[in-house]
Amino acid sequence: MKAIQLAQPKHFQKIDIEEPAPPGPGQAVVRTHRMGICGTDYSGYLGKMPFFSYPRIPGHELGVEVLEVGDDVTNVKPGDRCSVEPYMNCGECYACRKGQGNCCEKLNVIGVMVDGGLCEKFLIRADKLHTSETLTFEQLALVETLGIGCHACDRGAPQEGDHVLIIGAGPIGLATLEFTRLTGATITVMDMVESRLQFCRDTYGVPHTIQFKGDGSELEQIAEITNGDKYAVVTDATGHNGSMSNALQYVAHTGSLVYVGITTAEISFPHPALHKPEMTIKGSRNALPSDFTRIIRLIEDGTINTDPWITHRTSFDDVIDQFETFTKPESGVIKAVIEVA
């Protein structure tokens, strides 16, 4: 059975793997139809993702078809189209007992810590499958990315009328934007790449965008936008330690800073930058099962339109040749999707 493996940073290879075993209790065999490529995949490819191990079959943003289920499985059946919740939590640790398996102490994310869906078929826990009767496999492959933004927005908890800053207009920043706009907050997006900011203005009507130049000029624009108050919520989706360190200076007194991007480098700031405004700093990791259910319904009813997101597509056979291109900002990639089957 065909699969693509990331043997080491910057080195993909096609491999043959065994057919999945028949599904046991609580399991299902699924066929991968579509895989979204996200920042985690790019970071894994570049050797910059702290949770990534090698060799690894990537693939955690997945639209799949159920082929076979174990005897006791009732939530899905053969033929169902599903989005995959890729977070394999233990169910027993402190976080899991609190209902927050997204940050399980023993968490294995498929396609990151264990092999994922860039293959023909694989075995998975059936409770990690979320069905839709109407969404395409391509739409279902985007649900996980949207889940990251949904959870990040909930961590910041902006209120109607708040000024909110999203730093980084890649897929995770855009996913955070999708849900922040539903809160009624006034949004500013900041990025270094003007074409990404233009996408935010054209697609979402974002009222304020700032092109970061590294010269401090963004501070004057922020003061003008917020009437000197700064932002009630700042979410940094860059995964860049410099940006994450600088982000504190954009937060209003009593405001919150959410880190949803991940870096292997140190983040540093003077303690008064945190203490003086009585700032709250939060991490945001993965998403919750309820986020998947909510997102599928929002796409189904048209509240979220995924069509503008997908700017690039590639086939299973061409992905090794094209993947390097997708890592470059000048490619204009917002979201690339692999057509696996």
C-alpha atoms as a PDB file:
ATOM      1  CA  MET A   1       0.000   0.000   0.000  1.00  0.00           C
ATOM      2  CA  LYS A   2       1.432   3.387  -1.005  1.00  0.00           C
ATOM      3  CA  ALA A   3       2.484   6.085   1.472  1.00  0.00           C
ATOM      4  CA  ILE A   4       4.803   9.083   1.624  1.00  0.00           C
ATOM      5  CA  GLN A   5       7.233   9.337   4.501  1.00  0.00           C
ATOM      6  CA  LEU A   6       9.307  12.270   5.737  1.00  0.00           C
ATOM      7  CA  ALA A   7      12.476  10.305   6.474  1.00  0.00           C
ATOM      8  CA  GLN A   8      14.315  13.345   7.853  1.00  0.00           C
ATOM      9  CA  PRO A   9      14.042  17.118   7.432  1.00  0.00           C
ATOM     10  CA  LYS A  10      13.734  18.048   3.747  1.00  0.00           C
ATOM     11  CA  HIS A  11      13.690  14.441   2.590  1.00  0.00           C
ATOM     12  CA  PHE A  12      10.414  12.822   1.519  1.00  0.00           C
ATOM     13  CA  GLN A  13      10.281   9.325   0.075  1.00  0.00           C
ATOM     14  CA  LYS A  14       7.576   7.063  -1.312  1.00  0.00           C
ATOM     15  CA  ILE A  15       7.291   3.808   0.611  1.00  0.00           C
ATOM     16  CA  ASP A  16       5.158   0.691   0.680  1.00  0.00           C
ATOM     17  CA  ILE A  17       3.433  -0.152   3.950  1.00  0.00           C
ATOM     18  CA  GLU A  18       1.274  -3.030   5.116  1.00  0.00           C
ATOM     19  CA  GLU A  19      -2.490  -2.938   4.810  1.00  0.00           C
ATOM     20  CA  PRO A  20      -4.155  -1.829   8.065  1.00  0.00           C
ATOM     21  CA  ALA A  21      -5.294  -4.583  10.393  1.00  0.00           C
ATOM     22  CA  PRO A  22      -9.030  -5.294  10.633  1.00  0.00           C
ATOM     23  CA  PRO A  23     -10.662  -2.824  13.041  1.00  0.00           C
ATOM     24  CA  GLY A  24     -11.021  -3.985  16.615  1.00  0.00           C
ATOM     25  CA  PRO A  25     -13.325  -2.590  19.310  1.00  0.00           C
ATOM     26  CA  GLY A  26     -13.662   1.185  18.995  1.00  0.00           C
ATOM     27  CA  GLN A  27     -11.706   1.315  15.731  1.00  0.00           C
ATOM     28  CA  ALA A  28     -12.310   2.077  12.071  1.00  0.00           C
ATOM     29  CA  VAL A  29     -10.366   1.695   8.834  1.00  0.00           C
ATOM     30  CA  VAL A  30     -10.531   4.816   6.680  1.00  0.00           C
ATOM     31  CA  ARG A  31      -9.370   5.829   3.217  1.00  0.00           C
ATOM     32  CA  THR A  32      -7.621   9.201   2.880  1.00  0.00           C
ATOM     33  CA  HIS A  33      -9.119  11.332   0.119  1.00  0.00           C
ATOM     34  CA  ARG A  34      -7.715  14.781   0.938  1.00  0.00           C
ATOM     35  CA  MET A  35      -4.929  16.080   3.157  1.00  0.00           C
ATOM     36  CA  GLY A  36      -4.383  19.731   4.000  1.00  0.00           C
ATOM     37  CA  ILE A  37      -0.816  20.945   4.444  1.00  0.00           C
ATOM     38  CA  CYS A  38      -0.366  23.210   7.446  1.00  0.00           C
ATOM     39  CA  GLY A  39       2.351  25.031   9.342  1.00  0.00           C
ATOM     40  CA  THR A  40       3.129  21.945  11.403  1.00  0.00           C
ATOM     41  CA  ASP A  41       3.877  20.000   8.217  1.00  0.00           C
ATOM     42  CA  TYR A  42       6.091  22.806   6.912  1.00  0.00           C
ATOM     43  CA  SER A  43       7.917  23.073  10.241  1.00  0.00           C
ATOM     44  CA  GLY A  44       8.379  19.302  10.331  1.00  0.00           C
ATOM     45  CA  TYR A  45       9.774  19.401   6.800  1.00  0.00           C
ATOM     46  CA  LEU A  46      12.178  22.199   7.751  1.00  0.00           C
ATOM     47  CA  GLY A  47      13.178  20.519  11.029  1.00  0.00           C
ATOM     48  CA  LYS A  48      11.716  23.272  13.208  1.00  0.00           C
ATOM     49  CA  MET A  49       8.734  21.522  14.838  1.00  0.00           C
ATOM     50  CA  PRO A  50       9.492  20.552  18.472  1.00  0.00           C
ATOM     51  CA  PHE A  51       6.895  17.766  18.614  1.00  0.00           C
ATOM     52  CA  PHE A  52       7.814  16.173  15.265  1.00  0.00           C
ATOM     53  CA  SER A  53       9.813  12.916  15.133  1.00  0.00           C
ATOM     54  CA  TYR A  54      11.369  11.097  12.179  1.00  0.00           C
ATOM     55  CA  PRO A  55      10.841   9.055  10.109  1.00  0.00           C
ATOM     56  CA  ARG A  56       7.165   9.988   9.917  1.00  0.00           C
ATOM     57  CA  ILE A  57       4.225   9.612   7.562  1.00  0.00           C
ATOM     58  CA  PRO A  58       2.669  13.094   7.852  1.00  0.00           C
ATOM     59  CA  GLY A  59      -0.967  14.027   7.553  1.00  0.00           C
ATOM     60  CA  HIS A  60      -3.295  15.271  10.283  1.00  0.00           C
ATOM     61  CA  GLU A  61      -5.646  17.574   8.337  1.00  0.00           C
ATOM     62  CA  LEU A  62      -7.725  14.890   6.696  1.00  0.00           C
ATOM     63  CA  GLY A  63     -10.925  14.265   4.795  1.00  0.00           C
ATOM     64  CA  VAL A  64     -11.543  10.514   4.886  1.00  0.00           C
ATOM     65  CA  GLU A  65     -14.054   7.823   3.948  1.00  0.00           C
ATOM     66  CA  VAL A  66     -14.962   5.085   6.427  1.00  0.00           C
ATOM     67  CA  LEU A  67     -14.312   1.640   4.944  1.00  0.00           C
ATOM     68  CA  GLU A  68     -14.834  -0.718   7.874  1.00  0.00           C
ATOM     69  CA  VAL A  69     -15.682  -0.431  11.593  1.00  0.00           C
ATOM     70  CA  GLY A  70     -15.318  -2.596  14.675  1.00  0.00           C
ATOM     71  CA  ASP A  71     -18.325  -4.463  16.042  1.00  0.00           C
ATOM     72  CA  ASP A  72     -19.088  -1.972  18.827  1.00  0.00           C
ATOM     73  CA  VAL A  73     -18.747   1.234  16.757  1.00  0.00           C
ATOM     74  CA  THR A  74     -22.000   3.186  16.407  1.00  0.00           C
ATOM     75  CA  ASN A  75     -20.945   6.781  15.651  1.00  0.00           C
ATOM     76  CA  VAL A  76     -19.789   6.037  12.083  1.00  0.00           C
ATOM     77  CA  LYS A  77     -20.492   3.447   9.401  1.00  0.00           C
ATOM     78  CA  PRO A  78     -18.902   2.379   6.106  1.00  0.00           C
ATOM     79  CA  GLY A  79     -19.360   5.048   3.452  1.00  0.00           C
ATOM     80  CA  ASP A  80     -19.431   7.996   5.873  1.00  0.00           C
ATOM     81  CA  ARG A  81     -17.363  11.076   4.990  1.00  0.00           C
ATOM     82  CA  CYS A  82     -15.468  12.381   8.007  1.00  0.00           C
ATOM     83  CA  SER A  83     -13.022  14.904   9.333  1.00  0.00           C
ATOM     84  CA  VAL A  84     -10.333  13.432  11.560  1.00  0.00           C
ATOM     85  CA  GLU A  85      -9.634  14.733  15.051  1.00  0.00           C
ATOM     86  CA  PRO A  86      -5.956  13.755  15.098  1.00  0.00           C
ATOM     87  CA  TYR A  87      -5.284  14.070  18.839  1.00  0.00           C
ATOM     88  CA  MET A  88      -4.824  10.609  20.371  1.00  0.00           C
ATOM     89  CA  ASN A  89      -5.217  11.326  24.078  1.00  0.00           C
ATOM     90  CA  CYS A  90      -4.868   8.835  26.943  1.00  0.00           C
ATOM     91  CA  GLY A  91      -8.179   9.573  28.683  1.00  0.00           C
ATOM     92  CA  GLU A  92      -6.607   9.158  32.121  1.00  0.00           C
ATOM     93  CA  CYS A  93      -4.250  12.071  32.874  1.00  0.00           C
ATOM     94  CA  TYR A  94      -5.216  15.269  34.689  1.00  0.00           C
ATOM     95  CA  ALA A  95      -5.996  17.196  31.483  1.00  0.00           C
ATOM     96  CA  CYS A  96      -8.092  14.335  30.082  1.00  0.00           C
ATOM     97  CA  ARG A  97     -10.030  13.983  33.333  1.00  0.00           C
ATOM     98  CA  LYS A  98     -10.863  17.691  33.019  1.00  0.00           C
ATOM     99  CA  GLY A  99     -12.191  17.106  29.482  1.00  0.00           C
ATOM    100  CA  GLN A 100      -9.195  18.750  27.832  1.00  0.00           C
ATOM    101  CA  GLY A 101      -7.658  15.910  25.870  1.00  0.00           C
ATOM    102  CA  ASN A 102      -6.266  18.476  23.432  1.00  0.00           C
ATOM    103  CA  CYS A 103      -3.339  18.912  25.839  1.00  0.00           C
ATOM    104  CA  CYS A 104      -3.150  15.377  27.226  1.00  0.00           C
ATOM    105  CA  GLU A 105       0.122  14.696  29.063  1.00  0.00           C
ATOM    106  CA  LYS A 106       0.736  11.650  26.820  1.00  0.00           C
ATOM    107  CA  LEU A 107      -0.752  13.111  23.642  1.00  0.00           C
ATOM    108  CA  ASN A 108       0.135  11.589  20.285  1.00  0.00           C
ATOM    109  CA  VAL A 109      -0.913  13.631  17.265  1.00  0.00           C
ATOM    110  CA  ILE A 110      -1.141  11.517  14.130  1.00  0.00           C
ATOM    111  CA  GLY A 111       1.137  12.758  11.399  1.00  0.00           C
ATOM    112  CA  VAL A 112       3.381  14.420  13.981  1.00  0.00           C
ATOM    113  CA  MET A 113       4.323  12.009  16.794  1.00  0.00           C
ATOM    114  CA  VAL A 114       2.882   8.873  15.167  1.00  0.00           C
ATOM    115  CA  ASP A 115       2.214   8.078  11.512  1.00  0.00           C
ATOM    116  CA  GLY A 116      -0.614   9.971   9.833  1.00  0.00           C
ATOM    117  CA  GLY A 117      -2.813   9.988   6.781  1.00  0.00           C
ATOM    118  CA  LEU A 118      -0.546  10.542   3.769  1.00  0.00           C
ATOM    119  CA  CYS A 119      -1.273   6.980   2.677  1.00  0.00           C
ATOM    120  CA  GLU A 120      -4.104   5.035   1.072  1.00  0.00           C
ATOM    121  CA  LYS A 121      -5.759   3.653   4.213  1.00  0.00           C
ATOM    122  CA  PHE A 122      -5.139   3.599   7.947  1.00  0.00           C
ATOM    123  CA  LEU A 123      -6.612   2.422  11.245  1.00  0.00           C
ATOM    124  CA  ILE A 124      -7.912   4.975  13.741  1.00  0.00           C
ATOM    125  CA  ARG A 125     -10.048   5.314  16.859  1.00  0.00           C
ATOM    126  CA  ALA A 126     -13.615   5.712  15.666  1.00  0.00           C
ATOM    127  CA  ASP A 127     -14.401   8.344  18.311  1.00  0.00           C
ATOM    128  CA  LYS A 128     -11.955  10.643  16.501  1.00  0.00           C
ATOM    129  CA  LEU A 129     -14.117  10.729  13.355  1.00  0.00           C
ATOM    130  CA  HIS A 130     -16.602  13.574  12.800  1.00  0.00           C
ATOM    131  CA  THR A 131     -19.165  13.037  10.055  1.00  0.00           C
ATOM    132  CA  SER A 132     -20.955  15.253   7.569  1.00  0.00           C
ATOM    133  CA  GLU A 133     -23.527  14.214   5.003  1.00  0.00           C
ATOM    134  CA  THR A 134     -22.947  17.264   2.804  1.00  0.00           C
ATOM    135  CA  LEU A 135     -19.344  18.484   3.065  1.00  0.00           C
ATOM    136  CA  THR A 136     -16.740  17.469   0.495  1.00  0.00           C
ATOM    137  CA  PHE A 137     -13.554  15.665   1.484  1.00  0.00           C
ATOM    138  CA  GLU A 138     -11.697  18.914   0.753  1.00  0.00           C
ATOM    139  CA  GLN A 139     -13.889  20.863   3.183  1.00  0.00           C
ATOM    140  CA  LEU A 140     -13.535  18.140   5.794  1.00  0.00           C
ATOM    141  CA  ALA A 141      -9.742  18.332   5.484  1.00  0.00           C
ATOM    142  CA  LEU A 142      -9.875  21.986   6.558  1.00  0.00           C
ATOM    143  CA  VAL A 143     -11.859  21.396   9.756  1.00  0.00           C
ATOM    144  CA  GLU A 144      -8.783  20.661  11.883  1.00  0.00           C
ATOM    145  CA  THR A 145      -7.031  23.897  10.864  1.00  0.00           C
ATOM    146  CA  LEU A 146     -10.189  25.823  11.670  1.00  0.00           C
ATOM    147  CA  GLY A 147     -10.328  24.001  14.997  1.00  0.00           C
ATOM    148  CA  ILE A 148      -6.939  25.411  15.985  1.00  0.00           C
ATOM    149  CA  GLY A 149      -8.238  28.935  15.350  1.00  0.00           C
ATOM    150  CA  CYS A 150     -11.544  28.248  17.073  1.00  0.00           C
ATOM    151  CA  HIS A 151      -9.778  27.105  20.235  1.00  0.00           C
ATOM    152  CA  ALA A 152      -7.295  30.004  20.104  1.00  0.00           C
ATOM    153  CA  CYS A 153     -10.162  32.479  19.832  1.00  0.00           C
ATOM    154  CA  ASP A 154     -11.904  30.859  22.791  1.00  0.00           C
ATOM    155  CA  ARG A 155      -8.698  31.057  24.827  1.00  0.00           C
ATOM    156  CA  GLY A 156      -8.527  34.820  24.246  1.00  0.00           C
ATOM    157  CA  ALA A 157     -12.312  35.195  24.736  1.00  0.00           C
ATOM    158  CA  PRO A 158     -12.754  38.569  22.974  1.00  0.00           C
ATOM    159  CA  GLN A 159     -16.005  40.396  23.569  1.00  0.00           C
ATOM    160  CA  GLU A 160     -18.117  42.453  21.192  1.00  0.00           C
ATOM    161  CA  GLY A 161     -16.466  45.833  20.658  1.00  0.00           C
ATOM    162  CA  ASP A 162     -13.022  44.749  21.882  1.00  0.00           C
ATOM    163  CA  HIS A 163      -9.995  45.615  19.790  1.00  0.00           C
ATOM    164  CA  VAL A 164      -8.234  42.371  18.838  1.00  0.00           C
ATOM    165  CA  LEU A 165      -4.874  41.957  17.105  1.00  0.00           C
ATOM    166  CA  ILE A 166      -3.983  38.789  15.192  1.00  0.00           C
ATOM    167  CA  ILE A 167      -0.286  38.560  14.354  1.00  0.00           C
ATOM    168  CA  GLY A 168       0.410  36.306  11.375  1.00  0.00           C
ATOM    169  CA  ALA A 169      -1.988  35.839   8.462  1.00  0.00           C
ATOM    170  CA  GLY A 170      -1.092  32.274   7.597  1.00  0.00           C
ATOM    171  CA  PRO A 171      -3.657  29.456   7.922  1.00  0.00           C
ATOM    172  CA  ILE A 172      -3.736  29.485  11.737  1.00  0.00           C
ATOM    173  CA  GLY A 173      -4.031  33.266  11.894  1.00  0.00           C
ATOM    174  CA  LEU A 174      -6.829  33.131   9.319  1.00  0.00           C
ATOM    175  CA  ALA A 175      -8.561  30.390  11.279  1.00  0.00           C
ATOM    176  CA  THR A 176      -8.399  32.564  14.393  1.00  0.00           C
ATOM    177  CA  LEU A 177      -9.790  35.435  12.321  1.00  0.00           C
ATOM    178  CA  GLU A 178     -12.740  33.292  11.190  1.00  0.00           C
ATOM    179  CA  PHE A 179     -13.971  32.886  14.759  1.00  0.00           C
ATOM    180  CA  THR A 180     -12.914  36.269  16.100  1.00  0.00           C
ATOM    181  CA  ARG A 181     -15.139  37.959  13.518  1.00  0.00           C
ATOM    182  CA  LEU A 182     -18.130  36.039  14.926  1.00  0.00           C
ATOM    183  CA  THR A 183     -17.613  37.690  18.336  1.00  0.00           C
ATOM    184  CA  GLY A 184     -18.232  41.222  17.075  1.00  0.00           C
ATOM    185  CA  ALA A 185     -14.737  42.364  18.020  1.00  0.00           C
ATOM    186  CA  THR A 186     -12.887  44.975  15.926  1.00  0.00           C
ATOM    187  CA  ILE A 187     -10.017  43.150  14.250  1.00  0.00           C
ATOM    188  CA  THR A 188      -6.524  44.201  13.210  1.00  0.00           C
ATOM    189  CA  VAL A 189      -4.265  41.770  11.342  1.00  0.00           C
ATOM    190  CA  MET A 190      -0.510  42.266  11.224  1.00  0.00           C
ATOM    191  CA  ASP A 191       1.862  40.426   8.904  1.00  0.00           C
ATOM    192  CA  MET A 192       5.094  41.057   7.029  1.00  0.00           C
ATOM    193  CA  VAL A 193       3.626  39.966   3.687  1.00  0.00           C
ATOM    194  CA  GLU A 194       1.364  42.541   2.015  1.00  0.00           C
ATOM    195  CA  SER A 195      -0.382  39.965  -0.189  1.00  0.00           C
ATOM    196  CA  ARG A 196      -1.626  38.162   2.909  1.00  0.00           C
ATOM    197  CA  LEU A 197      -2.991  41.408   4.323  1.00  0.00           C
ATOM    198  CA  GLN A 198      -4.705  42.102   1.012  1.00  0.00           C
ATOM    199  CA  PHE A 199      -6.322  38.662   1.246  1.00  0.00           C
ATOM    200  CA  CYS A 200      -7.688  39.607   4.688  1.00  0.00           C
ATOM    201  CA  ARG A 201      -9.100  42.876   3.383  1.00  0.00           C
ATOM    202  CA  ASP A 202     -10.606  41.369   0.236  1.00  0.00           C
ATOM    203  CA  THR A 203     -11.976  38.154   1.719  1.00  0.00           C
ATOM    204  CA  TYR A 204     -13.008  39.208   5.214  1.00  0.00           C
ATOM    205  CA  GLY A 205     -13.307  42.977   5.045  1.00  0.00           C
ATOM    206  CA  VAL A 206     -10.844  43.344   7.925  1.00  0.00           C
ATOM    207  CA  PRO A 207     -11.000  47.023   8.883  1.00  0.00           C
ATOM    208  CA  HIS A 208      -7.379  47.386   9.977  1.00  0.00           C
ATOM    209  CA  THR A 209      -4.201  45.792   8.641  1.00  0.00           C
ATOM    210  CA  ILE A 210      -0.597  46.568   9.504  1.00  0.00           C
ATOM    211  CA  GLN A 211       2.443  45.521   7.516  1.00  0.00           C
ATOM    212  CA  PHE A 212       5.168  44.784  10.052  1.00  0.00           C
ATOM    213  CA  LYS A 213       8.511  46.279   8.996  1.00  0.00           C
ATOM    214  CA  GLY A 214      10.617  45.764  12.101  1.00  0.00           C
ATOM    215  CA  ASP A 215      11.233  49.457  12.644  1.00  0.00           C
ATOM    216  CA  GLY A 216       8.632  50.137  15.347  1.00  0.00           C
ATOM    217  CA  SER A 217       6.318  51.949  12.946  1.00  0.00           C
ATOM    218  CA  GLU A 218       3.479  49.578  13.869  1.00  0.00           C
ATOM    219  CA  LEU A 219       3.228  51.188  17.325  1.00  0.00           C
ATOM    220  CA  GLU A 220       1.982  54.493  15.930  1.00  0.00           C
ATOM    221  CA  GLN A 221      -0.601  52.711  13.791  1.00  0.00           C
ATOM    222  CA  ILE A 222      -1.766  50.663  16.782  1.00  0.00           C
ATOM    223  CA  ALA A 223      -2.178  53.790  18.885  1.00  0.00           C
ATOM    224  CA  GLU A 224      -4.259  55.399  16.151  1.00  0.00           C
ATOM    225  CA  ILE A 225      -6.459  52.335  15.613  1.00  0.00           C
ATOM    226  CA  THR A 226      -7.174  51.763  19.313  1.00  0.00           C
ATOM    227  CA  ASN A 227      -7.225  55.421  20.425  1.00  0.00           C
ATOM    228  CA  GLY A 228      -4.155  54.719  22.520  1.00  0.00           C
ATOM    229  CA  ASP A 229      -5.634  51.760  24.412  1.00  0.00           C
ATOM    230  CA  LYS A 230      -3.830  48.921  22.590  1.00  0.00           C
ATOM    231  CA  TYR A 231      -5.541  45.518  22.284  1.00  0.00           C
ATOM    232  CA  ALA A 232      -7.770  43.644  24.703  1.00  0.00           C
ATOM    233  CA  VAL A 233      -6.640  40.409  23.050  1.00  0.00           C
ATOM    234  CA  VAL A 234      -3.503  39.723  21.024  1.00  0.00           C
ATOM    235  CA  THR A 235      -3.049  36.327  19.373  1.00  0.00           C
ATOM    236  CA  ASP A 236       0.360  35.495  17.950  1.00  0.00           C
ATOM    237  CA  ALA A 237       0.101  32.856  15.233  1.00  0.00           C
ATOM    238  CA  THR A 238       3.584  33.294  13.771  1.00  0.00           C
ATOM    239  CA  GLY A 239       5.580  30.672  15.624  1.00  0.00           C
ATOM    240  CA  HIS A 240       8.491  33.135  15.517  1.00  0.00           C
ATOM    241  CA  ASN A 241      10.209  33.766  18.846  1.00  0.00           C
ATOM    242  CA  GLY A 242      11.013  37.383  17.982  1.00  0.00           C
ATOM    243  CA  SER A 243       7.391  38.173  17.184  1.00  0.00           C
ATOM    244  CA  MET A 244       6.206  36.298  20.259  1.00  0.00           C
ATOM    245  CA  SER A 245       8.599  38.255  22.481  1.00  0.00           C
ATOM    246  CA  ASN A 246       7.568  41.589  20.968  1.00  0.00           C
ATOM    247  CA  ALA A 247       3.842  40.865  21.185  1.00  0.00           C
ATOM    248  CA  LEU A 248       3.589  41.953  24.821  1.00  0.00           C
ATOM    249  CA  GLN A 249       3.992  45.596  23.848  1.00  0.00           C
ATOM    250  CA  TYR A 250       0.718  45.502  21.899  1.00  0.00           C
ATOM    251  CA  VAL A 251      -1.482  44.299  24.775  1.00  0.00           C
ATOM    252  CA  ALA A 252      -3.726  46.715  26.662  1.00  0.00           C
ATOM    253  CA  HIS A 253      -3.605  46.991  30.432  1.00  0.00           C
ATOM    254  CA  THR A 254      -5.589  44.007  31.828  1.00  0.00           C
ATOM    255  CA  GLY A 255      -5.507  42.430  28.355  1.00  0.00           C
ATOM    256  CA  SER A 256      -4.595  38.915  27.218  1.00  0.00           C
ATOM    257  CA  LEU A 257      -1.915  37.474  24.969  1.00  0.00           C
ATOM    258  CA  VAL A 258      -2.479  34.077  23.361  1.00  0.00           C
ATOM    259  CA  TYR A 259       0.359  32.057  21.866  1.00  0.00           C
ATOM    260  CA  VAL A 260      -0.989  29.629  19.273  1.00  0.00           C
ATOM    261  CA  GLY A 261       2.175  29.444  17.148  1.00  0.00           C
ATOM    262  CA  ILE A 262       4.986  27.156  18.326  1.00  0.00           C
ATOM    263  CA  THR A 263       8.722  27.812  18.373  1.00  0.00           C
ATOM    264  CA  THR A 264      11.752  25.810  19.484  1.00  0.00           C
ATOM    265  CA  ALA A 265      13.582  29.029  20.418  1.00  0.00           C
ATOM    266  CA  GLU A 266      13.364  30.960  23.673  1.00  0.00           C
ATOM    267  CA  ILE A 267      10.843  33.760  24.190  1.00  0.00           C
ATOM    268  CA  SER A 268      12.108  36.625  26.338  1.00  0.00           C
ATOM    269  CA  PHE A 269      10.734  39.887  27.695  1.00  0.00           C
ATOM    270  CA  PRO A 270      11.353  42.156  30.703  1.00  0.00           C
ATOM    271  CA  HIS A 271       9.085  41.197  33.589  1.00  0.00           C
ATOM    272  CA  PRO A 272       7.499  44.682  33.919  1.00  0.00           C
ATOM    273  CA  ALA A 273       6.069  44.256  30.417  1.00  0.00           C
ATOM    274  CA  LEU A 274       3.923  41.482  31.860  1.00  0.00           C
ATOM    275  CA  HIS A 275       3.470  42.720  35.414  1.00  0.00           C
ATOM    276  CA  LYS A 276       2.712  46.406  34.921  1.00  0.00           C
ATOM    277  CA  PRO A 277      -0.407  45.903  32.754  1.00  0.00           C
ATOM    278  CA  GLU A 278      -1.461  42.814  34.783  1.00  0.00           C
ATOM    279  CA  MET A 279      -1.450  40.905  31.532  1.00  0.00           C
ATOM    280  CA  THR A 280      -2.649  37.327  31.110  1.00  0.00           C
ATOM    281  CA  ILE A 281      -0.552  35.070  28.862  1.00  0.00           C
ATOM    282  CA  LYS A 282      -2.101  31.841  27.614  1.00  0.00           C
ATOM    283  CA  GLY A 283      -0.990  28.976  25.437  1.00  0.00           C
ATOM    284  CA  SER A 284      -3.439  27.459  22.964  1.00  0.00           C
ATOM    285  CA  ARG A 285      -2.890  23.880  21.832  1.00  0.00           C
ATOM    286  CA  ASN A 286      -4.929  21.915  19.310  1.00  0.00           C
ATOM    287  CA  ALA A 287      -8.741  21.882  19.603  1.00  0.00           C
ATOM    288  CA  LEU A 288     -11.614  20.178  21.417  1.00  0.00           C
ATOM    289  CA  PRO A 289     -14.072  17.599  20.037  1.00  0.00           C
ATOM    290  CA  SER A 290     -16.873  20.158  20.350  1.00  0.00           C
ATOM    291  CA  ASP A 291     -14.898  22.499  18.088  1.00  0.00           C
ATOM    292  CA  PHE A 292     -15.014  19.932  15.269  1.00  0.00           C
ATOM    293  CA  THR A 293     -18.776  19.546  15.617  1.00  0.00           C
ATOM    294  CA  ARG A 294     -19.289  23.303  15.675  1.00  0.00           C
ATOM    295  CA  ILE A 295     -17.072  23.942  12.653  1.00  0.00           C
ATOM    296  CA  ILE A 296     -18.722  21.286  10.499  1.00  0.00           C
ATOM    297  CA  ARG A 297     -22.117  22.862  11.181  1.00  0.00           C
ATOM    298  CA  LEU A 298     -20.793  26.374  10.426  1.00  0.00           C
ATOM    299  CA  ILE A 299     -19.443  25.240   7.062  1.00  0.00           C
ATOM    300  CA  GLU A 300     -22.648  23.358   6.303  1.00  0.00           C
ATOM    301  CA  ASP A 301     -24.844  26.419   6.961  1.00  0.00           C
ATOM    302  CA  GLY A 302     -22.553  28.782   5.018  1.00  0.00           C
ATOM    303  CA  THR A 303     -21.311  30.833   7.975  1.00  0.00           C
ATOM    304  CA  ILE A 304     -17.779  29.764   7.076  1.00  0.00           C
ATOM    305  CA  ASN A 305     -16.787  29.596   3.414  1.00  0.00           C
ATOM    306  CA  THR A 306     -13.659  27.514   2.881  1.00  0.00           C
ATOM    307  CA  ASP A 307     -13.416  28.154  -0.878  1.00  0.00           C
ATOM    308  CA  PRO A 308     -11.040  31.176  -0.694  1.00  0.00           C
ATOM    309  CA  TRP A 309      -8.654  29.276   1.542  1.00  0.00           C
ATOM    310  CA  ILE A 310      -7.467  26.680  -0.962  1.00  0.00           C
ATOM    311  CA  THR A 311      -4.999  28.368  -3.276  1.00  0.00           C
ATOM    312  CA  HIS A 312      -2.925  25.342  -4.336  1.00  0.00           C
ATOM    313  CA  ARG A 313      -3.604  21.676  -5.033  1.00  0.00           C
ATOM    314  CA  THR A 314      -1.286  18.802  -5.810  1.00  0.00           C
ATOM    315  CA  SER A 315      -1.635  15.088  -6.429  1.00  0.00           C
ATOM    316  CA  PHE A 316      -0.158  12.312  -4.324  1.00  0.00           C
ATOM    317  CA  ASP A 317       2.322  11.571  -7.105  1.00  0.00           C
ATOM    318  CA  ASP A 318       3.493  15.206  -7.394  1.00  0.00           C
ATOM    319  CA  VAL A 319       3.641  16.261  -3.749  1.00  0.00           C
ATOM    320  CA  ILE A 320       7.324  15.401  -3.213  1.00  0.00           C
ATOM    321  CA  ASP A 321       8.370  17.594  -6.140  1.00  0.00           C
ATOM    322  CA  GLN A 322       6.103  20.483  -5.199  1.00  0.00           C
ATOM    323  CA  PHE A 323       6.304  20.561  -1.395  1.00  0.00           C
ATOM    324  CA  GLU A 324       9.443  22.721  -1.191  1.00  0.00           C
ATOM    325  CA  THR A 325       7.695  25.403  -3.278  1.00  0.00           C
ATOM    326  CA  PHE A 326       4.824  25.586  -0.800  1.00  0.00           C
ATOM    327  CA  THR A 327       7.214  26.555   2.021  1.00  0.00           C
ATOM    328  CA  LYS A 328       8.169  29.812   0.281  1.00  0.00           C
ATOM    329  CA  PRO A 329       6.111  32.979   0.945  1.00  0.00           C
ATOM    330  CA  GLU A 330       6.499  34.113  -2.663  1.00  0.00           C
ATOM    331  CA  SER A 331       4.451  31.095  -3.778  1.00  0.00           C
ATOM    332  CA  GLY A 332       1.346  32.842  -2.449  1.00  0.00           C
ATOM    333  CA  VAL A 333       0.129  29.702  -0.698  1.00  0.00           C
ATOM    334  CA  ILE A 334      -2.671  30.174   1.797  1.00  0.00           C
ATOM    335  CA  LYS A 335      -3.648  26.502   1.955  1.00  0.00           C
ATOM    336  CA  ALA A 336      -2.380  23.644  -0.205  1.00  0.00           C
ATOM    337  CA  VAL A 337      -4.333  20.400  -0.418  1.00  0.00           C
ATOM    338  CA  ILE A 338      -3.078  16.983  -1.493  1.00  0.00           C
ATOM    339  CA  GLU A 339      -5.447  14.833  -3.540  1.00  0.00           C
ATOM    340  CA  VAL A 340      -4.583  11.419  -2.138  1.00  0.00           C
ATOM    341  CA  ALA A 341      -7.412   9.354  -3.673  1.00  0.00           C
END
